[in-house]
Protein backbone atom coordinates (compact mmCIF):
# COMPACT_ATOMS: atom_id res chain seq x y z
CA MET A 1 330.42 228.68 127.06
CA ILE A 2 328.57 229.19 129.56
CA LYS A 3 331.34 227.92 131.82
CA ARG A 4 334.87 228.98 129.73
CA GLU A 5 333.47 232.79 130.34
CA LEU A 6 333.08 232.19 134.33
CA ILE A 7 336.22 230.56 134.44
CA VAL A 8 337.60 233.41 132.62
CA LYS A 9 335.89 235.93 134.18
CA THR A 10 336.73 234.17 137.66
CA LEU A 11 340.00 234.12 137.32
CA ASN A 12 340.47 237.61 135.95
CA GLU A 13 339.10 238.86 139.09
CA MET A 14 340.51 237.11 141.29
CA PHE A 15 344.45 237.03 139.82
CA PRO A 16 343.63 240.03 137.54
CA ASN A 17 347.98 240.88 137.00
CA PRO A 18 349.71 237.36 137.24
CA LYS A 19 353.30 237.02 137.16
CA SER A 20 355.57 234.42 137.44
CA ASP A 21 357.18 234.33 141.64
CA LEU A 22 360.50 233.16 139.86
CA ASN A 23 363.14 235.72 139.96
CA TYR A 24 364.73 237.10 136.82
CA SER A 25 364.79 239.97 134.40
CA ASN A 26 366.16 238.74 130.87
CA HIS A 27 365.22 235.92 129.05
CA PHE A 28 367.98 233.68 129.21
CA GLU A 29 367.43 234.07 133.84
CA MET A 30 364.20 232.98 133.32
CA LEU A 31 365.37 229.95 131.57
CA ILE A 32 367.79 229.07 133.83
CA ALA A 33 365.55 230.19 136.70
CA VAL A 34 362.68 227.15 134.98
CA VAL A 35 364.46 224.70 134.00
CA LEU A 36 365.92 224.76 138.35
CA SER A 37 362.63 224.70 139.64
CA ALA A 38 360.83 221.70 138.34
CA GLN A 39 360.00 219.83 141.66
CA THR A 40 361.56 222.63 143.87
CA THR A 41 359.54 225.40 145.15
CA ASP A 42 359.89 228.19 142.89
CA VAL A 43 361.03 230.84 146.82
CA SER A 44 363.70 227.86 146.88
CA VAL A 45 364.84 228.87 143.50
CA ASN A 46 364.65 232.43 144.50
CA LYS A 47 367.08 231.78 146.95
CA VAL A 48 369.67 230.61 145.21
CA THR A 49 369.45 232.52 141.59
CA PRO A 50 370.91 235.76 143.27
CA GLU A 51 373.90 234.51 144.21
CA LEU A 52 373.74 232.25 140.79
CA PHE A 53 373.44 235.40 138.36
CA SER A 54 375.95 237.69 139.89
CA LYS A 55 377.97 235.01 139.50
CA TYR A 56 377.37 233.47 136.26
CA PRO A 57 375.03 236.70 134.37
CA ASN A 58 375.40 235.03 130.82
CA PRO A 59 375.62 231.99 128.22
CA LYS A 60 379.04 232.53 128.25
CA SER A 61 380.16 232.47 131.95
CA LEU A 62 377.61 229.74 133.15
CA LYS A 63 378.59 227.94 130.13
CA GLU A 64 382.48 227.92 131.61
CA ALA A 65 381.68 228.10 135.85
CA PRO A 66 383.68 224.83 138.02
CA ILE A 67 380.81 222.21 138.71
CA GLU A 68 382.09 222.55 141.77
CA ASP A 69 380.62 225.85 142.80
CA LEU A 70 377.27 225.68 141.25
CA GLU A 71 377.08 222.31 142.93
CA ASN A 72 377.21 224.38 146.42
CA ILE A 73 374.66 227.14 145.29
CA LEU A 74 372.72 225.15 144.26
CA LYS A 75 372.87 222.55 146.76
CA SER A 76 369.74 223.60 149.05
CA ILE A 77 367.44 222.47 146.47
CA GLY A 78 366.02 219.44 144.93
CA LEU A 79 368.15 217.32 142.56
CA TYR A 80 371.01 219.85 142.62
CA LYS A 81 373.55 217.93 141.34
CA THR A 82 371.60 217.25 137.91
CA LYS A 83 370.35 221.10 137.68
CA ALA A 84 373.95 221.77 138.28
CA LYS A 85 374.88 219.95 135.29
CA ASN A 86 371.77 221.08 132.91
CA ILE A 87 372.18 224.44 133.28
CA LYS A 88 375.99 224.35 132.29
CA ASN A 89 375.91 222.75 129.52
CA LEU A 90 372.99 224.16 128.02
CA SER A 91 374.80 227.76 128.90
CA LYS A 92 377.23 226.00 125.98
CA ILE A 93 375.13 225.30 123.72
CA LEU A 94 373.34 229.20 123.89
CA HIS A 95 376.93 230.11 123.50
CA ASP A 96 378.08 228.05 121.12
CA LYS A 97 375.08 227.52 118.97
CA TYR A 98 371.85 229.93 119.39
CA ASP A 99 375.09 233.05 119.97
CA SER A 100 374.27 233.54 123.23
CA LYS A 101 370.23 234.42 122.22
CA ILE A 102 367.82 231.50 123.25
CA PRO A 103 365.96 230.10 121.01
CA SER A 104 361.99 231.21 120.09
CA GLU A 105 361.32 227.88 118.60
CA ARG A 106 359.62 224.72 120.62
CA LYS A 107 361.92 221.98 119.04
CA ASP A 108 365.18 224.05 119.84
CA LEU A 109 363.67 224.65 123.55
CA GLU A 110 363.52 221.27 123.89
CA SER A 111 366.86 220.29 122.16
CA LEU A 112 368.21 221.74 125.53
CA PRO A 113 369.13 219.53 128.51
CA GLY A 114 366.96 219.77 130.78
CA VAL A 115 364.48 221.66 128.94
CA GLY A 116 361.19 219.68 129.19
CA ARG A 117 357.66 220.49 126.66
CA LYS A 118 356.50 221.96 129.93
CA THR A 119 359.79 224.28 130.55
CA ALA A 120 359.75 225.66 126.77
CA ASN A 121 356.61 226.77 126.91
CA VAL A 122 357.22 229.54 130.11
CA VAL A 123 359.46 230.47 127.82
CA LEU A 124 357.74 230.72 124.55
CA ALA A 125 355.10 232.02 127.02
CA ASN A 126 356.89 234.47 128.67
CA ALA A 127 359.30 235.38 127.30
CA PHE A 128 357.97 236.05 123.13
CA GLY A 129 354.83 236.20 123.49
CA LYS A 130 353.72 232.98 121.73
CA ASN A 131 349.63 231.35 123.34
CA VAL A 132 350.46 228.19 124.29
CA ILE A 133 350.14 227.16 127.91
CA ALA A 134 352.90 224.74 130.24
CA VAL A 135 350.62 222.31 132.15
CA ASP A 136 352.39 221.75 135.86
CA THR A 137 351.64 219.72 138.98
CA HIS A 138 348.87 222.58 139.66
CA VAL A 139 346.77 223.56 136.72
CA ASN A 140 346.90 219.37 135.97
CA ARG A 141 344.58 219.04 139.09
CA VAL A 142 342.16 222.73 138.53
CA SER A 143 341.89 221.76 134.42
CA LYS A 144 341.14 218.22 135.74
CA ARG A 145 338.24 219.09 138.70
CA LEU A 146 336.64 221.89 136.27
CA GLY A 147 335.85 219.24 134.07
CA ILE A 148 338.50 220.82 130.81
CA ALA A 149 340.93 218.11 131.08
CA LYS A 150 339.38 213.82 132.00
CA GLU A 151 341.36 212.67 134.71
CA SER A 152 342.69 209.58 132.90
CA ASP A 153 344.52 212.86 130.23
CA ASN A 154 348.23 213.43 130.62
CA VAL A 155 350.07 215.97 131.20
CA LEU A 156 350.28 216.63 127.23
CA GLU A 157 346.17 215.46 126.64
CA VAL A 158 345.66 218.09 129.26
CA GLU A 159 347.67 221.34 127.37
CA GLU A 160 345.54 220.12 123.77
CA ARG A 161 341.88 219.94 125.76
CA ILE A 162 342.92 223.07 127.16
CA VAL A 163 344.37 224.73 123.72
CA LYS A 164 341.04 223.37 122.26
CA TYR A 165 339.13 225.11 125.05
CA PHE A 166 339.67 228.59 125.74
CA GLN A 167 340.55 231.01 123.60
CA LYS A 168 344.58 231.72 122.68
CA ASP A 169 344.22 234.86 123.64
CA ASP A 170 343.60 233.83 126.93
CA LEU A 171 346.45 231.22 127.02
CA LYS A 172 349.38 233.18 128.45
CA LYS A 173 347.46 234.95 131.92
CA LEU A 174 346.13 231.72 132.40
CA HIS A 175 348.86 229.46 132.53
CA HIS A 176 349.98 231.83 136.06
CA GLN A 177 346.15 231.88 137.23
CA LEU A 178 345.75 228.35 136.75
CA ILE A 179 348.61 227.65 138.66
CA PHE A 180 347.78 230.55 141.55
CA PHE A 181 344.40 228.89 141.94
CA GLY A 182 345.41 225.44 142.12
CA ARG A 183 348.58 226.77 144.65
CA TYR A 184 346.59 229.05 146.93
CA HIS A 185 342.74 228.00 146.49
CA CYS A 186 342.02 224.88 144.49
CA LEU A 187 344.62 222.56 146.72
CA ALA A 188 345.73 219.02 146.07
CA ARG A 189 344.91 218.17 149.75
CA ASN A 190 342.01 220.59 151.61
CA PRO A 191 340.59 221.98 149.08
CA LYS A 192 338.69 225.64 149.67
CA CYS A 193 335.73 224.56 147.87
CA GLU A 194 332.97 225.63 150.93
CA ASN A 195 334.17 229.41 149.59
CA CYS A 196 335.13 228.68 145.73
CA PRO A 197 333.43 230.91 143.11
CA LEU A 198 334.13 228.15 141.01
CA GLN A 199 331.75 225.62 142.42
CA GLU A 200 328.84 225.47 140.17
CA VAL A 201 330.90 224.23 137.99
CA CYS A 202 333.34 222.21 139.62
CA VAL A 203 332.98 218.74 139.16
CA PHE A 204 334.96 217.43 142.36
CA TYR A 205 332.74 219.75 144.12
CA LYS A 206 329.95 217.95 142.71
CA LYS A 207 331.65 214.36 143.38
CA PHE A 208 333.06 216.33 146.83
CA GLU A 209 328.94 217.33 148.12
CA LYS A 210 327.12 213.98 147.31
């Protein structure tokens, strides 16, 4: 499929070694950072996690953390009270039920407070190397503009279309590539269409031209 090959080739050239902008050093920190990143920028999360992880480096310590202290550490990010409660409760479950290890099955991850399908997919791909893709606002927008998904598709339908459209081995890398392409190039407002290397296969650009 020429279009698919062009998209993969272009993204590989633009972002050859994409990695998450979130800072973490193990699977537990990854999970917590991704939970905290909901409706908040990665930059904002990276400002609070050094203190958080320094004081509470594992599920046992975080589950025992005073909620007031967690709220104080997280107060600069969106929904900080809810997130403080979620990471404390999910740490309790990790410690009590999973021996402080991060589960590698989607249903187990999604049973944790604050963990939805997108967060679970991020962990499954990055921690366990599974061929899944998480659909955030950037992935959702870019896939629709390129005509991979339909405008009317919900997040799950977008995910299913991406999985069907691309080779499975490409999915883990594509997650970050599509995020970066959307974050720095195919912007929600004022996308950089004029010098976009995917003009010829972009549904949005063809409408924009007209």
